[in-house]
C-alpha atoms as a PDB file:
ATOM      1  CA  UNK A   1      -0.063   0.015   0.058  1.00  0.00           C
ATOM      2  CA  UNK A   2       1.223   3.395  -0.780  1.00  0.00           C
ATOM      3  CA  UNK A   3       1.741   6.151   1.757  1.00  0.00           C
ATOM      4  CA  UNK A   4      -1.128   8.100   0.076  1.00  0.00           C
ATOM      5  CA  UNK A   5      -3.221   5.170   0.300  1.00  0.00           C
ATOM      6  CA  UNK A   6      -2.518   4.589   3.846  1.00  0.00           C
ATOM      7  CA  UNK A   7      -3.287   8.028   4.701  1.00  0.00           C
ATOM      8  CA  UNK A   8      -6.644   7.812   3.141  1.00  0.00           C
ATOM      9  CA  UNK A   9      -7.466   4.608   5.294  1.00  0.00           C
ATOM     10  CA  UNK A  10      -6.110   6.174   8.310  1.00  0.00           C
ATOM     11  CA  UNK A  11      -8.704   6.601  11.389  1.00  0.00           C
ATOM     12  CA  UNK A  12      -7.961   8.467  14.576  1.00  0.00           C
ATOM     13  CA  UNK A  13      -8.070   6.836  17.956  1.00  0.00           C
ATOM     14  CA  UNK A  14     -10.050   8.290  20.789  1.00  0.00           C
ATOM     15  CA  UNK A  15      -8.964  11.951  22.114  1.00  0.00           C
ATOM     16  CA  UNK A  16      -6.541  11.950  25.009  1.00  0.00           C
ATOM     17  CA  UNK A  17      -7.959  12.365  28.417  1.00  0.00           C
ATOM     18  CA  UNK A  18      -7.674  15.706  30.378  1.00  0.00           C
ATOM     19  CA  UNK A  19      -5.191  14.174  32.681  1.00  0.00           C
ATOM     20  CA  UNK A  20      -2.579  14.162  29.735  1.00  0.00           C
ATOM     21  CA  UNK A  21      -2.857  17.996  29.634  1.00  0.00           C
ATOM     22  CA  UNK A  22      -2.814  18.590  33.362  1.00  0.00           C
ATOM     23  CA  UNK A  23       0.831  17.490  33.812  1.00  0.00           C
ATOM     24  CA  UNK A  24       4.033  19.766  33.868  1.00  0.00           C
ATOM     25  CA  UNK A  25       4.061  21.984  30.638  1.00  0.00           C
ATOM     26  CA  UNK A  26       7.360  20.762  29.419  1.00  0.00           C
ATOM     27  CA  UNK A  27       6.476  17.150  29.985  1.00  0.00           C
ATOM     28  CA  UNK A  28       3.247  17.546  28.064  1.00  0.00           C
ATOM     29  CA  UNK A  29       5.128  19.341  25.397  1.00  0.00           C
ATOM     30  CA  UNK A  30       7.492  16.485  24.744  1.00  0.00           C
ATOM     31  CA  UNK A  31       4.772  13.853  25.198  1.00  0.00           C
ATOM     32  CA  UNK A  32       2.880  15.566  22.202  1.00  0.00           C
ATOM     33  CA  UNK A  33       5.528  14.830  19.849  1.00  0.00           C
ATOM     34  CA  UNK A  34       4.218  11.865  17.773  1.00  0.00           C
ATOM     35  CA  UNK A  35       0.807  12.241  18.582  1.00  0.00           C
ATOM     36  CA  UNK A  36      -2.060  13.224  15.991  1.00  0.00           C
ATOM     37  CA  UNK A  37      -3.834  16.531  15.808  1.00  0.00           C
ATOM     38  CA  UNK A  38      -7.214  15.789  14.448  1.00  0.00           C
ATOM     39  CA  UNK A  39     -10.260  17.998  13.180  1.00  0.00           C
ATOM     40  CA  UNK A  40     -13.425  16.847  12.252  1.00  0.00           C
ATOM     41  CA  UNK A  41     -14.992  19.775  10.380  1.00  0.00           C
ATOM     42  CA  UNK A  42     -17.038  21.082   7.515  1.00  0.00           C
ATOM     43  CA  UNK A  43     -14.207  19.862   5.189  1.00  0.00           C
ATOM     44  CA  UNK A  44     -14.128  16.400   6.554  1.00  0.00           C
ATOM     45  CA  UNK A  45     -11.414  14.755   8.410  1.00  0.00           C
ATOM     46  CA  UNK A  46      -8.040  16.477   8.433  1.00  0.00           C
ATOM     47  CA  UNK A  47      -5.154  15.421  10.611  1.00  0.00           C
ATOM     48  CA  UNK A  48      -1.245  15.545  10.981  1.00  0.00           C
ATOM     49  CA  UNK A  49       1.103  13.977  13.281  1.00  0.00           C
ATOM     50  CA  UNK A  50       2.789  16.518  15.618  1.00  0.00           C
ATOM     51  CA  UNK A  51       6.585  16.934  14.953  1.00  0.00           C
ATOM     52  CA  UNK A  52       7.349  20.271  16.673  1.00  0.00           C
ATOM     53  CA  UNK A  53       6.144  22.320  19.618  1.00  0.00           C
ATOM     54  CA  UNK A  54       6.889  25.064  21.842  1.00  0.00           C
ATOM     55  CA  UNK A  55       6.183  25.199  25.654  1.00  0.00           C
ATOM     56  CA  UNK A  56       5.086  28.482  27.230  1.00  0.00           C
ATOM     57  CA  UNK A  57       5.389  28.350  31.022  1.00  0.00           C
ATOM     58  CA  UNK A  58       2.950  30.801  32.413  1.00  0.00           C
ATOM     59  CA  UNK A  59       2.959  34.596  33.731  1.00  0.00           C
ATOM     60  CA  UNK A  60       6.730  34.324  34.688  1.00  0.00           C
ATOM     61  CA  UNK A  61       7.689  33.317  31.167  1.00  0.00           C
ATOM     62  CA  UNK A  62       8.253  36.614  29.436  1.00  0.00           C
ATOM     63  CA  UNK A  63       7.473  35.114  26.085  1.00  0.00           C
ATOM     64  CA  UNK A  64       3.983  33.782  27.106  1.00  0.00           C
ATOM     65  CA  UNK A  65       1.051  35.675  26.140  1.00  0.00           C
ATOM     66  CA  UNK A  66      -0.063  35.201  29.962  1.00  0.00           C
ATOM     67  CA  UNK A  67       2.863  37.241  30.989  1.00  0.00           C
ATOM     68  CA  UNK A  68       0.812  40.194  30.405  1.00  0.00           C
ATOM     69  CA  UNK A  69      -1.824  38.985  32.883  1.00  0.00           C
ATOM     70  CA  UNK A  70      -5.437  37.668  32.581  1.00  0.00           C
ATOM     71  CA  UNK A  71      -7.225  39.309  29.492  1.00  0.00           C
ATOM     72  CA  UNK A  72     -10.024  38.455  27.347  1.00  0.00           C
ATOM     73  CA  UNK A  73      -7.560  36.995  24.934  1.00  0.00           C
ATOM     74  CA  UNK A  74      -5.790  34.789  27.507  1.00  0.00           C
ATOM     75  CA  UNK A  75      -8.557  33.911  29.449  1.00  0.00           C
ATOM     76  CA  UNK A  76      -8.625  30.315  28.214  1.00  0.00           C
ATOM     77  CA  UNK A  77      -4.917  29.898  29.319  1.00  0.00           C
ATOM     78  CA  UNK A  78      -5.784  30.326  32.978  1.00  0.00           C
ATOM     79  CA  UNK A  79      -8.752  27.806  32.815  1.00  0.00           C
ATOM     80  CA  UNK A  80      -8.790  23.926  32.999  1.00  0.00           C
ATOM     81  CA  UNK A  81      -6.081  22.200  30.931  1.00  0.00           C
ATOM     82  CA  UNK A  82      -7.281  20.249  27.643  1.00  0.00           C
ATOM     83  CA  UNK A  83      -8.585  23.399  25.878  1.00  0.00           C
ATOM     84  CA  UNK A  84      -7.565  25.152  22.647  1.00  0.00           C
ATOM     85  CA  UNK A  85      -6.095  28.441  22.907  1.00  0.00           C
ATOM     86  CA  UNK A  86      -6.237  29.996  19.109  1.00  0.00           C
ATOM     87  CA  UNK A  87      -5.116  33.235  18.336  1.00  0.00           C
ATOM     88  CA  UNK A  88      -4.316  35.508  15.314  1.00  0.00           C
ATOM     89  CA  UNK A  89      -0.788  36.981  14.535  1.00  0.00           C
ATOM     90  CA  UNK A  90       0.094  39.549  11.775  1.00  0.00           C
ATOM     91  CA  UNK A  91      -3.819  39.957  11.393  1.00  0.00           C
ATOM     92  CA  UNK A  92      -3.931  36.821   9.143  1.00  0.00           C
ATOM     93  CA  UNK A  93      -2.533  33.529  10.599  1.00  0.00           C
ATOM     94  CA  UNK A  94      -4.182  31.658  13.345  1.00  0.00           C
ATOM     95  CA  UNK A  95      -1.947  29.750  15.784  1.00  0.00           C
ATOM     96  CA  UNK A  96      -3.057  26.964  17.994  1.00  0.00           C
ATOM     97  CA  UNK A  97      -1.825  26.113  21.514  1.00  0.00           C
ATOM     98  CA  UNK A  98      -3.126  23.485  23.983  1.00  0.00           C
ATOM     99  CA  UNK A  99      -3.729  24.710  27.716  1.00  0.00           C
ATOM    100  CA  UNK A 100      -1.632  22.649  30.140  1.00  0.00           C
ATOM    101  CA  UNK A 101      -0.959  22.398  33.996  1.00  0.00           C
ATOM    102  CA  UNK A 102      -3.397  23.111  36.787  1.00  0.00           C
ATOM    103  CA  UNK A 103      -6.173  25.595  36.440  1.00  0.00           C
ATOM    104  CA  UNK A 104      -4.814  29.245  36.888  1.00  0.00           C
ATOM    105  CA  UNK A 105      -1.313  28.403  35.723  1.00  0.00           C
ATOM    106  CA  UNK A 106      -1.489  30.406  32.246  1.00  0.00           C
ATOM    107  CA  UNK A 107       0.482  27.650  30.763  1.00  0.00           C
ATOM    108  CA  UNK A 108       0.320  26.391  27.066  1.00  0.00           C
ATOM    109  CA  UNK A 109       2.061  24.490  24.117  1.00  0.00           C
ATOM    110  CA  UNK A 110       2.186  25.859  20.713  1.00  0.00           C
ATOM    111  CA  UNK A 111       1.662  23.332  18.173  1.00  0.00           C
ATOM    112  CA  UNK A 112       4.260  24.409  15.595  1.00  0.00           C
ATOM    113  CA  UNK A 113       4.378  21.820  12.998  1.00  0.00           C
ATOM    114  CA  UNK A 114       2.762  18.733  11.824  1.00  0.00           C
ATOM    115  CA  UNK A 115       3.594  15.785   9.308  1.00  0.00           C
ATOM    116  CA  UNK A 116       0.484  15.816   7.308  1.00  0.00           C
ATOM    117  CA  UNK A 117      -1.756  12.688   7.379  1.00  0.00           C
ATOM    118  CA  UNK A 118      -4.782  13.698   5.521  1.00  0.00           C
ATOM    119  CA  UNK A 119      -4.699  15.462   3.155  1.00  0.00           C
ATOM    120  CA  UNK A 120      -1.171  13.904   2.755  1.00  0.00           C
ATOM    121  CA  UNK A 121       0.261  16.679   0.690  1.00  0.00           C
ATOM    122  CA  UNK A 122      -0.864  19.568   2.856  1.00  0.00           C
ATOM    123  CA  UNK A 123       1.689  22.251   4.116  1.00  0.00           C
ATOM    124  CA  UNK A 124       1.846  21.894   7.720  1.00  0.00           C
ATOM    125  CA  UNK A 125       5.517  23.146   8.493  1.00  0.00           C
ATOM    126  CA  UNK A 126       4.683  26.161  10.569  1.00  0.00           C
ATOM    127  CA  UNK A 127       1.853  27.137  13.129  1.00  0.00           C
ATOM    128  CA  UNK A 128      -0.130  29.252  10.604  1.00  0.00           C
ATOM    129  CA  UNK A 129       0.248  26.792   7.832  1.00  0.00           C
ATOM    130  CA  UNK A 130      -1.103  23.765   9.931  1.00  0.00           C
ATOM    131  CA  UNK A 131      -4.092  25.873  11.186  1.00  0.00           C
ATOM    132  CA  UNK A 132      -4.934  26.685   7.578  1.00  0.00           C
ATOM    133  CA  UNK A 133      -4.274  23.107   6.424  1.00  0.00           C
ATOM    134  CA  UNK A 134      -6.529  21.632   9.123  1.00  0.00           C
ATOM    135  CA  UNK A 135      -9.196  24.463   8.894  1.00  0.00           C
ATOM    136  CA  UNK A 136      -8.562  25.568  12.448  1.00  0.00           C
ATOM    137  CA  UNK A 137      -9.549  29.320  13.348  1.00  0.00           C
ATOM    138  CA  UNK A 138     -10.463  31.486  16.107  1.00  0.00           C
ATOM    139  CA  UNK A 139     -13.898  29.820  16.258  1.00  0.00           C
ATOM    140  CA  UNK A 140     -12.021  26.966  17.852  1.00  0.00           C
ATOM    141  CA  UNK A 141     -10.843  29.375  20.654  1.00  0.00           C
ATOM    142  CA  UNK A 142     -11.617  27.650  24.121  1.00  0.00           C
ATOM    143  CA  UNK A 143     -12.921  24.275  22.550  1.00  0.00           C
ATOM    144  CA  UNK A 144     -12.567  21.403  24.809  1.00  0.00           C
ATOM    145  CA  UNK A 145      -9.834  19.000  23.044  1.00  0.00           C
ATOM    146  CA  UNK A 146     -11.345  15.855  24.924  1.00  0.00           C
ATOM    147  CA  UNK A 147     -14.317  15.895  22.551  1.00  0.00           C
ATOM    148  CA  UNK A 148     -14.732  14.511  19.098  1.00  0.00           C
ATOM    149  CA  UNK A 149     -14.562  17.548  16.868  1.00  0.00           C
ATOM    150  CA  UNK A 150     -10.987  18.951  17.378  1.00  0.00           C
ATOM    151  CA  UNK A 151      -8.431  16.702  19.421  1.00  0.00           C
ATOM    152  CA  UNK A 152      -5.152  15.029  20.086  1.00  0.00           C
ATOM    153  CA  UNK A 153      -4.933  11.246  20.036  1.00  0.00           C
ATOM    154  CA  UNK A 154      -2.078   8.716  20.780  1.00  0.00           C
ATOM    155  CA  UNK A 155       1.134   8.471  18.741  1.00  0.00           C
ATOM    156  CA  UNK A 156       0.945   6.498  15.311  1.00  0.00           C
ATOM    157  CA  UNK A 157       2.592   3.180  15.580  1.00  0.00           C
ATOM    158  CA  UNK A 158       5.884   3.641  13.716  1.00  0.00           C
ATOM    159  CA  UNK A 159       7.272   0.333  13.775  1.00  0.00           C
ATOM    160  CA  UNK A 160      10.774   1.677  14.769  1.00  0.00           C
ATOM    161  CA  UNK A 161      12.920   2.805  17.585  1.00  0.00           C
ATOM    162  CA  UNK A 162      11.725   5.792  19.482  1.00  0.00           C
ATOM    163  CA  UNK A 163      12.608   9.071  17.657  1.00  0.00           C
ATOM    164  CA  UNK A 164      15.149  11.386  19.066  1.00  0.00           C
ATOM    165  CA  UNK A 165      13.850  14.893  20.677  1.00  0.00           C
ATOM    166  CA  UNK A 166      15.938  18.039  20.069  1.00  0.00           C
ATOM    167  CA  UNK A 167      15.506  20.892  22.374  1.00  0.00           C
ATOM    168  CA  UNK A 168      16.161  24.319  20.770  1.00  0.00           C
ATOM    169  CA  UNK A 169      15.221  28.014  21.395  1.00  0.00           C
ATOM    170  CA  UNK A 170      11.808  29.195  20.728  1.00  0.00           C
ATOM    171  CA  UNK A 171      11.316  31.200  17.350  1.00  0.00           C
ATOM    172  CA  UNK A 172      10.288  35.009  17.373  1.00  0.00           C
ATOM    173  CA  UNK A 173      10.599  35.537  21.093  1.00  0.00           C
ATOM    174  CA  UNK A 174      13.829  37.698  20.970  1.00  0.00           C
ATOM    175  CA  UNK A 175      11.874  40.379  22.972  1.00  0.00           C
ATOM    176  CA  UNK A 176      11.844  37.940  26.010  1.00  0.00           C
ATOM    177  CA  UNK A 177      15.341  38.531  27.305  1.00  0.00           C
ATOM    178  CA  UNK A 178      16.699  35.654  29.026  1.00  0.00           C
ATOM    179  CA  UNK A 179      13.507  33.660  28.377  1.00  0.00           C
ATOM    180  CA  UNK A 180      14.245  33.816  24.598  1.00  0.00           C
ATOM    181  CA  UNK A 181      17.397  31.731  25.266  1.00  0.00           C
ATOM    182  CA  UNK A 182      15.573  28.877  27.026  1.00  0.00           C
ATOM    183  CA  UNK A 183      15.384  25.607  25.141  1.00  0.00           C
ATOM    184  CA  UNK A 184      11.628  25.220  25.163  1.00  0.00           C
ATOM    185  CA  UNK A 185      11.138  24.207  21.451  1.00  0.00           C
ATOM    186  CA  UNK A 186      11.031  20.507  21.061  1.00  0.00           C
ATOM    187  CA  UNK A 187      10.876  18.647  17.520  1.00  0.00           C
ATOM    188  CA  UNK A 188      11.738  15.306  16.214  1.00  0.00           C
ATOM    189  CA  UNK A 189      15.027  14.898  14.757  1.00  0.00           C
ATOM    190  CA  UNK A 190      15.315  14.521  11.133  1.00  0.00           C
ATOM    191  CA  UNK A 191      11.609  15.064  10.352  1.00  0.00           C
ATOM    192  CA  UNK A 192      11.095  16.919   6.910  1.00  0.00           C
ATOM    193  CA  UNK A 193       8.054  18.785   8.287  1.00  0.00           C
ATOM    194  CA  UNK A 194       9.952  20.587  11.148  1.00  0.00           C
ATOM    195  CA  UNK A 195       9.521  24.469  10.620  1.00  0.00           C
ATOM    196  CA  UNK A 196      13.281  25.331  11.589  1.00  0.00           C
ATOM    197  CA  UNK A 197      16.236  23.222  12.406  1.00  0.00           C
END
């Protein structure tokens, strides 16, 4: 069976439980690698394997949106884990985060790149590109990711040794001082769909 045919036949597993997202943000970020992000929407099933993420550690993290405090925009970040934080950048691109940690922590993980599953030729090597490919936008802000519409499911069985995780600096957060140097971006080594190596 070709890879394209295999992708057409692919069916997601059940959504990960809320307890998955309630862990420490860095642990959740690393555990998300290899999992699948799935959207059942008006355009049918769209999905990709998560290959790159960035962790944002709450108000103390000067690169996190929650560092500016609790606002209408960041309200969902301070709520229960396992919800989508979707926002617009440059007035045109949506980015999707998953809220992590205990309620009130203001922590989240940005989904930065996917290896496309369906459609298999989608461009998903960046946070704006993957949201466009999976038809994720601000209407999904606050959506519960433990449901069956937009969710994350367990890793695809790869039939090979566990992939190496690379730690690097986050992208586009130079304004955050010392926090810009923290190694809080994680990606799967050698994956062709990572946004930047």
